[in-house]
PDB file of N, CA and C in Angstrom:
ATOM      1  N   MET A   1      -2.739 -16.825  15.151  1.00  0.00           N
ATOM      2  CA  MET A   1      -2.965 -15.417  15.507  1.00  0.00           C
ATOM      3  C   MET A   1      -2.079 -14.768  14.370  1.00  0.00           C
ATOM      4  N   SER A   2      -2.534 -13.799  13.750  1.00  0.00           N
ATOM      5  CA  SER A   2      -2.006 -13.005  12.665  1.00  0.00           C
ATOM      6  C   SER A   2      -1.109 -11.852  13.172  1.00  0.00           C
ATOM      7  N   ASP A   3      -0.088 -11.432  12.424  1.00  0.00           N
ATOM      8  CA  ASP A   3       0.754 -10.339  12.682  1.00  0.00           C
ATOM      9  C   ASP A   3      -0.058  -9.313  11.932  1.00  0.00           C
ATOM     10  N   VAL A   4       0.044  -8.104  12.659  1.00  0.00           N
ATOM     11  CA  VAL A   4      -0.378  -6.904  11.884  1.00  0.00           C
ATOM     12  C   VAL A   4       0.768  -6.199  11.330  1.00  0.00           C
ATOM     13  N   LYS A   5       0.701  -5.818  10.028  1.00  0.00           N
ATOM     14  CA  LYS A   5       1.816  -5.198   9.292  1.00  0.00           C
ATOM     15  C   LYS A   5       1.157  -3.837   8.911  1.00  0.00           C
ATOM     16  N   ILE A   6       1.941  -2.673   9.191  1.00  0.00           N
ATOM     17  CA  ILE A   6       1.753  -1.443   8.678  1.00  0.00           C
ATOM     18  C   ILE A   6       2.750  -0.873   7.763  1.00  0.00           C
ATOM     19  N   ARG A   7       2.572  -0.692   6.357  1.00  0.00           N
ATOM     20  CA  ARG A   7       3.590  -0.398   5.623  1.00  0.00           C
ATOM     21  C   ARG A   7       3.327   1.009   4.990  1.00  0.00           C
ATOM     22  N   VAL A   8       4.408   1.822   4.937  1.00  0.00           N
ATOM     23  CA  VAL A   8       4.219   3.418   4.463  1.00  0.00           C
ATOM     24  C   VAL A   8       5.025   3.450   3.035  1.00  0.00           C
ATOM     25  N   TYR A   9       4.356   3.949   2.094  1.00  0.00           N
ATOM     26  CA  TYR A   9       4.944   4.230   0.809  1.00  0.00           C
ATOM     27  C   TYR A   9       5.075   5.370   0.422  1.00  0.00           C
ATOM     28  N   ARG A  10       6.054   6.115  -0.256  1.00  0.00           N
ATOM     29  CA  ARG A  10       6.095   7.705  -0.374  1.00  0.00           C
ATOM     30  C   ARG A  10       6.853   7.770  -1.792  1.00  0.00           C
ATOM     31  N   GLY A  11       6.638   8.833  -2.219  1.00  0.00           N
ATOM     32  CA  GLY A  11       7.247   9.399  -3.469  1.00  0.00           C
ATOM     33  C   GLY A  11       6.539   9.063  -4.616  1.00  0.00           C
ATOM     34  N   ALA A  12       6.966   9.612  -5.699  1.00  0.00           N
ATOM     35  CA  ALA A  12       6.450   9.417  -7.085  1.00  0.00           C
ATOM     36  C   ALA A  12       6.571   7.906  -7.375  1.00  0.00           C
ATOM     37  N   ASP A  13       7.500   7.239  -7.049  1.00  0.00           N
ATOM     38  CA  ASP A  13       7.707   5.837  -7.276  1.00  0.00           C
ATOM     39  C   ASP A  13       7.174   4.856  -6.217  1.00  0.00           C
ATOM     40  N   GLN A  14       6.396   5.601  -5.048  1.00  0.00           N
ATOM     41  CA  GLN A  14       5.834   4.709  -3.969  1.00  0.00           C
ATOM     42  C   GLN A  14       6.573   3.700  -3.510  1.00  0.00           C
ATOM     43  N   HIS A  15       7.937   4.118  -3.096  1.00  0.00           N
ATOM     44  CA  HIS A  15       8.905   3.151  -2.432  1.00  0.00           C
ATOM     45  C   HIS A  15       8.567   2.879  -1.070  1.00  0.00           C
ATOM     46  N   LEU A  16       8.783   1.628  -0.581  1.00  0.00           N
ATOM     47  CA  LEU A  16       8.421   1.482   0.812  1.00  0.00           C
ATOM     48  C   LEU A  16       9.483   2.116   1.682  1.00  0.00           C
ATOM     49  N   THR A  17       9.021   3.077   2.675  1.00  0.00           N
ATOM     50  CA  THR A  17       9.957   3.707   3.514  1.00  0.00           C
ATOM     51  C   THR A  17       9.866   3.288   4.971  1.00  0.00           C
ATOM     52  N   SER A  18       8.877   2.587   5.250  1.00  0.00           N
ATOM     53  CA  SER A  18       8.718   1.897   6.679  1.00  0.00           C
ATOM     54  C   SER A  18       7.873   1.055   6.810  1.00  0.00           C
ATOM     55  N   THR A  19       8.064  -0.263   7.784  1.00  0.00           N
ATOM     56  CA  THR A  19       7.235  -1.171   7.927  1.00  0.00           C
ATOM     57  C   THR A  19       7.207  -1.433   9.273  1.00  0.00           C
ATOM     58  N   VAL A  20       6.127  -1.459   9.978  1.00  0.00           N
ATOM     59  CA  VAL A  20       5.913  -1.783  11.452  1.00  0.00           C
ATOM     60  C   VAL A  20       5.120  -3.203  11.517  1.00  0.00           C
ATOM     61  N   THR A  21       5.915  -4.139  12.149  1.00  0.00           N
ATOM     62  CA  THR A  21       5.114  -5.472  12.485  1.00  0.00           C
ATOM     63  C   THR A  21       4.906  -5.518  13.882  1.00  0.00           C
ATOM     64  N   ILE A  22       3.637  -5.797  14.023  1.00  0.00           N
ATOM     65  CA  ILE A  22       3.233  -6.343  15.511  1.00  0.00           C
ATOM     66  C   ILE A  22       2.875  -7.705  15.672  1.00  0.00           C
ATOM     67  N   PRO A  23       3.662  -8.513  16.330  1.00  0.00           N
ATOM     68  CA  PRO A  23       3.367  -9.863  16.475  1.00  0.00           C
ATOM     69  C   PRO A  23       1.896 -10.183  17.017  1.00  0.00           C
ATOM     70  N   GLY A  24       1.192 -11.060  16.519  1.00  0.00           N
ATOM     71  CA  GLY A  24      -0.166 -11.106  16.953  1.00  0.00           C
ATOM     72  C   GLY A  24      -0.247 -11.500  18.372  1.00  0.00           C
ATOM     73  N   GLY A  25       0.677 -12.243  18.898  1.00  0.00           N
ATOM     74  CA  GLY A  25       0.723 -12.842  20.312  1.00  0.00           C
ATOM     75  C   GLY A  25       1.037 -11.686  21.259  1.00  0.00           C
ATOM     76  N   ILE A  26       1.407 -10.627  20.804  1.00  0.00           N
ATOM     77  CA  ILE A  26       1.432  -9.438  21.717  1.00  0.00           C
ATOM     78  C   ILE A  26       0.621  -8.248  21.339  1.00  0.00           C
ATOM     79  N   LEU A  27      -0.109  -8.368  20.288  1.00  0.00           N
ATOM     80  CA  LEU A  27      -0.992  -7.417  19.936  1.00  0.00           C
ATOM     81  C   LEU A  27      -1.588  -6.431  20.821  1.00  0.00           C
ATOM     82  N   ARG A  28      -2.499  -7.068  21.827  1.00  0.00           N
ATOM     83  CA  ARG A  28      -3.120  -6.404  22.816  1.00  0.00           C
ATOM     84  C   ARG A  28      -2.326  -5.586  23.675  1.00  0.00           C
ATOM     85  N   ILE A  29      -0.958  -6.010  23.979  1.00  0.00           N
ATOM     86  CA  ILE A  29      -0.127  -5.174  24.700  1.00  0.00           C
ATOM     87  C   ILE A  29       0.482  -4.096  23.827  1.00  0.00           C
ATOM     88  N   ALA A  30       0.964  -4.366  22.617  1.00  0.00           N
ATOM     89  CA  ALA A  30       1.561  -3.615  21.612  1.00  0.00           C
ATOM     90  C   ALA A  30       0.736  -2.585  20.968  1.00  0.00           C
ATOM     91  N   ALA A  31      -0.560  -2.581  21.247  1.00  0.00           N
ATOM     92  CA  ALA A  31      -1.316  -1.553  20.511  1.00  0.00           C
ATOM     93  C   ALA A  31      -1.152  -0.199  20.837  1.00  0.00           C
ATOM     94  N   SER A  32      -0.661   0.115  22.016  1.00  0.00           N
ATOM     95  CA  SER A  32      -0.108   1.560  22.426  1.00  0.00           C
ATOM     96  C   SER A  32       1.086   1.936  21.576  1.00  0.00           C
ATOM     97  N   LEU A  33       1.760   0.994  20.869  1.00  0.00           N
ATOM     98  CA  LEU A  33       2.855   1.372  20.109  1.00  0.00           C
ATOM     99  C   LEU A  33       2.729   1.653  18.753  1.00  0.00           C
ATOM    100  N   ILE A  34       1.298   1.376  18.173  1.00  0.00           N
ATOM    101  CA  ILE A  34       1.148   1.713  16.796  1.00  0.00           C
ATOM    102  C   ILE A  34       1.371   3.184  16.551  1.00  0.00           C
ATOM    103  N   PRO A  35       2.143   3.471  15.472  1.00  0.00           N
ATOM    104  CA  PRO A  35       2.331   5.091  15.172  1.00  0.00           C
ATOM    105  C   PRO A  35       0.964   5.719  15.065  1.00  0.00           C
ATOM    106  N   ARG A  36       0.981   6.937  15.584  1.00  0.00           N
ATOM    107  CA  ARG A  36      -0.182   7.832  15.495  1.00  0.00           C
ATOM    108  C   ARG A  36      -0.675   8.015  14.011  1.00  0.00           C
ATOM    109  N   ARG A  37       0.064   8.087  13.036  1.00  0.00           N
ATOM    110  CA  ARG A  37      -0.480   8.211  11.685  1.00  0.00           C
ATOM    111  C   ARG A  37      -1.174   6.963  11.328  1.00  0.00           C
ATOM    112  N   ALA A  38      -0.672   5.661  11.620  1.00  0.00           N
ATOM    113  CA  ALA A  38      -1.358   4.504  11.399  1.00  0.00           C
ATOM    114  C   ALA A  38      -2.642   4.407  12.216  1.00  0.00           C
ATOM    115  N   MET A  39      -2.810   4.919  13.314  1.00  0.00           N
ATOM    116  CA  MET A  39      -3.933   4.826  14.178  1.00  0.00           C
ATOM    117  C   MET A  39      -4.934   5.833  13.527  1.00  0.00           C
ATOM    118  N   ALA A  40      -4.624   7.072  13.103  1.00  0.00           N
ATOM    119  CA  ALA A  40      -5.451   7.776  12.438  1.00  0.00           C
ATOM    120  C   ALA A  40      -6.052   7.277  11.225  1.00  0.00           C
ATOM    121  N   ALA A  41      -5.049   6.816  10.442  1.00  0.00           N
ATOM    122  CA  ALA A  41      -5.680   6.010   9.348  1.00  0.00           C
ATOM    123  C   ALA A  41      -6.650   5.057   9.523  1.00  0.00           C
ATOM    124  N   LEU A  42      -6.504   4.260  10.562  1.00  0.00           N
ATOM    125  CA  LEU A  42      -7.313   3.065  10.792  1.00  0.00           C
ATOM    126  C   LEU A  42      -8.780   3.658  11.352  1.00  0.00           C
ATOM    127  N   ARG A  43      -8.844   4.752  12.139  1.00  0.00           N
ATOM    128  CA  ARG A  43      -9.987   5.503  12.742  1.00  0.00           C
ATOM    129  C   ARG A  43     -10.579   6.205  11.413  1.00  0.00           C
ATOM    130  N   ASP A  44      -9.902   6.815  10.474  1.00  0.00           N
ATOM    131  CA  ASP A  44     -10.570   7.528   9.424  1.00  0.00           C
ATOM    132  C   ASP A  44     -11.200   6.547   8.578  1.00  0.00           C
ATOM    133  N   GLU A  45     -10.731   5.270   8.490  1.00  0.00           N
ATOM    134  CA  GLU A  45     -11.412   4.232   7.845  1.00  0.00           C
ATOM    135  C   GLU A  45     -12.381   3.372   8.426  1.00  0.00           C
ATOM    136  N   GLY A  46     -12.685   3.861   9.573  1.00  0.00           N
ATOM    137  CA  GLY A  46     -13.638   3.108  10.535  1.00  0.00           C
ATOM    138  C   GLY A  46     -13.360   1.806  11.218  1.00  0.00           C
ATOM    139  N   ILE A  47     -11.985   1.569  11.202  1.00  0.00           N
ATOM    140  CA  ILE A  47     -11.521   0.389  11.993  1.00  0.00           C
ATOM    141  C   ILE A  47     -11.008   0.799  13.169  1.00  0.00           C
ATOM    142  N   GLU A  48     -11.781  -0.193  14.285  1.00  0.00           N
ATOM    143  CA  GLU A  48     -11.441  -0.029  15.590  1.00  0.00           C
ATOM    144  C   GLU A  48     -10.244  -0.909  16.108  1.00  0.00           C
ATOM    145  N   LEU A  49      -9.370  -0.489  16.857  1.00  0.00           N
ATOM    146  CA  LEU A  49      -8.285  -1.353  17.297  1.00  0.00           C
ATOM    147  C   LEU A  49      -8.772  -2.644  17.938  1.00  0.00           C
ATOM    148  N   ASP A  50      -9.810  -2.394  18.781  1.00  0.00           N
ATOM    149  CA  ASP A  50     -10.225  -3.667  19.525  1.00  0.00           C
ATOM    150  C   ASP A  50     -10.739  -4.665  18.644  1.00  0.00           C
ATOM    151  N   GLU A  51     -11.393  -4.227  17.694  1.00  0.00           N
ATOM    152  CA  GLU A  51     -11.900  -5.197  16.443  1.00  0.00           C
ATOM    153  C   GLU A  51     -10.632  -5.687  15.642  1.00  0.00           C
ATOM    154  N   LEU A  52      -9.708  -4.981  15.558  1.00  0.00           N
ATOM    155  CA  LEU A  52      -8.682  -5.389  14.799  1.00  0.00           C
ATOM    156  C   LEU A  52      -7.746  -6.487  15.556  1.00  0.00           C
ATOM    157  N   VAL A  53      -7.792  -6.402  17.010  1.00  0.00           N
ATOM    158  CA  VAL A  53      -7.056  -7.218  17.861  1.00  0.00           C
ATOM    159  C   VAL A  53      -7.936  -8.610  17.619  1.00  0.00           C
ATOM    160  N   ALA A  54      -9.357  -8.540  17.880  1.00  0.00           N
ATOM    161  CA  ALA A  54     -10.287  -9.720  17.814  1.00  0.00           C
ATOM    162  C   ALA A  54     -10.066 -10.499  16.583  1.00  0.00           C
ATOM    163  N   LEU A  55      -9.940  -9.630  15.402  1.00  0.00           N
ATOM    164  CA  LEU A  55      -9.778 -10.319  13.976  1.00  0.00           C
ATOM    165  C   LEU A  55      -8.305 -10.930  13.878  1.00  0.00           C
ATOM    166  N   SER A  56      -7.319 -10.395  14.603  1.00  0.00           N
ATOM    167  CA  SER A  56      -5.930 -11.135  14.401  1.00  0.00           C
ATOM    168  C   SER A  56      -5.946 -12.455  14.997  1.00  0.00           C
ATOM    169  N   GLU A  57      -6.877 -12.579  16.221  1.00  0.00           N
ATOM    170  CA  GLU A  57      -6.938 -13.870  16.757  1.00  0.00           C
ATOM    171  C   GLU A  57      -7.700 -15.095  16.036  1.00  0.00           C
ATOM    172  N   LYS A  58      -8.092 -14.624  14.792  1.00  0.00           N
ATOM    173  CA  LYS A  58      -8.987 -15.660  13.848  1.00  0.00           C
ATOM    174  C   LYS A  58      -7.821 -16.221  13.101  1.00  0.00           C
ATOM    175  N   ALA A  59      -7.437 -17.478  13.045  1.00  0.00           N
ATOM    176  CA  ALA A  59      -6.574 -18.044  12.071  1.00  0.00           C
ATOM    177  C   ALA A  59      -6.893 -17.639  10.498  1.00  0.00           C
ATOM    178  N   GLU A  60      -8.131 -17.783  10.309  1.00  0.00           N
ATOM    179  CA  GLU A  60      -8.664 -17.406   8.742  1.00  0.00           C
ATOM    180  C   GLU A  60      -8.445 -15.972   8.348  1.00  0.00           C
ATOM    181  N   ALA A  61      -8.366 -15.179   9.285  1.00  0.00           N
ATOM    182  CA  ALA A  61      -8.393 -13.697   8.893  1.00  0.00           C
ATOM    183  C   ALA A  61      -6.761 -13.283   8.438  1.00  0.00           C
ATOM    184  N   GLN A  62      -6.762 -13.018   7.246  1.00  0.00           N
ATOM    185  CA  GLN A  62      -5.498 -12.797   6.488  1.00  0.00           C
ATOM    186  C   GLN A  62      -5.800 -11.958   5.340  1.00  0.00           C
ATOM    187  N   GLY A  63      -4.695 -11.063   5.103  1.00  0.00           N
ATOM    188  CA  GLY A  63      -4.720 -10.136   3.982  1.00  0.00           C
ATOM    189  C   GLY A  63      -4.825  -8.615   4.267  1.00  0.00           C
ATOM    190  N   GLN A  64      -4.960  -7.793   3.128  1.00  0.00           N
ATOM    191  CA  GLN A  64      -4.986  -6.317   3.546  1.00  0.00           C
ATOM    192  C   GLN A  64      -6.402  -5.788   4.032  1.00  0.00           C
ATOM    193  N   LEU A  65      -6.249  -4.987   5.156  1.00  0.00           N
ATOM    194  CA  LEU A  65      -7.445  -4.679   5.725  1.00  0.00           C
ATOM    195  C   LEU A  65      -7.904  -3.192   5.198  1.00  0.00           C
ATOM    196  N   VAL A  66      -6.898  -2.320   5.012  1.00  0.00           N
ATOM    197  CA  VAL A  66      -7.071  -1.000   4.560  1.00  0.00           C
ATOM    198  C   VAL A  66      -5.819  -0.288   3.967  1.00  0.00           C
ATOM    199  N   GLN A  67      -6.254   0.552   2.837  1.00  0.00           N
ATOM    200  CA  GLN A  67      -5.223   1.096   2.195  1.00  0.00           C
ATOM    201  C   GLN A  67      -5.568   2.620   2.170  1.00  0.00           C
ATOM    202  N   VAL A  68      -4.729   3.442   2.712  1.00  0.00           N
ATOM    203  CA  VAL A  68      -5.154   4.893   2.808  1.00  0.00           C
ATOM    204  C   VAL A  68      -3.977   5.624   1.837  1.00  0.00           C
ATOM    205  N   GLU A  69      -4.655   6.415   0.928  1.00  0.00           N
ATOM    206  CA  GLU A  69      -3.656   7.258   0.048  1.00  0.00           C
ATOM    207  C   GLU A  69      -3.929   8.637   0.328  1.00  0.00           C
ATOM    208  N   ASP A  70      -2.943   9.371   0.510  1.00  0.00           N
ATOM    209  CA  ASP A  70      -2.739  10.875   0.704  1.00  0.00           C
ATOM    210  C   ASP A  70      -2.105  11.303  -0.491  1.00  0.00           C
ATOM    211  N   HIS A  71      -2.998  11.820  -1.454  1.00  0.00           N
ATOM    212  CA  HIS A  71      -2.437  12.315  -2.682  1.00  0.00           C
ATOM    213  C   HIS A  71      -1.653  13.598  -2.648  1.00  0.00           C
ATOM    214  N   ASP A  72      -1.858  14.490  -1.682  1.00  0.00           N
ATOM    215  CA  ASP A  72      -1.174  15.656  -1.361  1.00  0.00           C
ATOM    216  C   ASP A  72       0.138  15.395  -1.012  1.00  0.00           C
ATOM    217  N   LYS A  73       0.333  14.453  -0.132  1.00  0.00           N
ATOM    218  CA  LYS A  73       1.636  14.071   0.344  1.00  0.00           C
ATOM    219  C   LYS A  73       2.308  13.039  -0.482  1.00  0.00           C
ATOM    220  N   ASN A  74       1.731  12.531  -1.382  1.00  0.00           N
ATOM    221  CA  ASN A  74       2.060  11.290  -2.344  1.00  0.00           C
ATOM    222  C   ASN A  74       2.558  10.249  -1.375  1.00  0.00           C
ATOM    223  N   GLU A  75       1.680   9.785  -0.277  1.00  0.00           N
ATOM    224  CA  GLU A  75       1.899   8.777   0.606  1.00  0.00           C
ATOM    225  C   GLU A  75       0.864   7.736   0.513  1.00  0.00           C
ATOM    226  N   ARG A  76       1.323   6.497   0.806  1.00  0.00           N
ATOM    227  CA  ARG A  76       0.184   5.429   1.016  1.00  0.00           C
ATOM    228  C   ARG A  76       0.377   4.390   2.161  1.00  0.00           C
ATOM    229  N   VAL A  77      -0.541   4.186   3.030  1.00  0.00           N
ATOM    230  CA  VAL A  77      -0.354   3.469   4.258  1.00  0.00           C
ATOM    231  C   VAL A  77      -1.317   2.167   3.910  1.00  0.00           C
ATOM    232  N   VAL A  78      -0.694   1.137   4.022  1.00  0.00           N
ATOM    233  CA  VAL A  78      -1.330  -0.314   3.908  1.00  0.00           C
ATOM    234  C   VAL A  78      -1.327  -1.061   5.372  1.00  0.00           C
ATOM    235  N   VAL A  79      -2.282  -1.497   5.823  1.00  0.00           N
ATOM    236  CA  VAL A  79      -2.447  -2.352   7.081  1.00  0.00           C
ATOM    237  C   VAL A  79      -3.180  -3.491   6.738  1.00  0.00           C
ATOM    238  N   SER A  80      -2.390  -4.483   7.153  1.00  0.00           N
ATOM    239  CA  SER A  80      -2.702  -6.036   6.810  1.00  0.00           C
ATOM    240  C   SER A  80      -2.539  -7.036   7.823  1.00  0.00           C
ATOM    241  N   LEU A  81      -3.088  -8.177   7.792  1.00  0.00           N
ATOM    242  CA  LEU A  81      -3.055  -9.278   8.783  1.00  0.00           C
ATOM    243  C   LEU A  81      -2.282 -10.239   7.885  1.00  0.00           C
ATOM    244  N   GLU A  82      -1.194 -10.842   8.475  1.00  0.00           N
ATOM    245  CA  GLU A  82      -0.258 -11.653   7.811  1.00  0.00           C
ATOM    246  C   GLU A  82       0.151 -12.949   8.754  1.00  0.00           C
TER     247      GLU A  82
END
């Protein structure tokens, strides 16, 4: 079962400002703890949380799922399975 990683990069140099790791084993329970910004980014990109949970349960599912760039805020959010 893969962990979900949500990374937020900010600023002109796009430095990593925060990382949220949700262990795959507790993803179903932890889904309610995902930051609203990340949930909005997922929804905006057409990713449903239930599908993300199901995907994380597949051993072969690894890598970046979505990258959302907000050019006005100079911010980037990356969601991946690792």
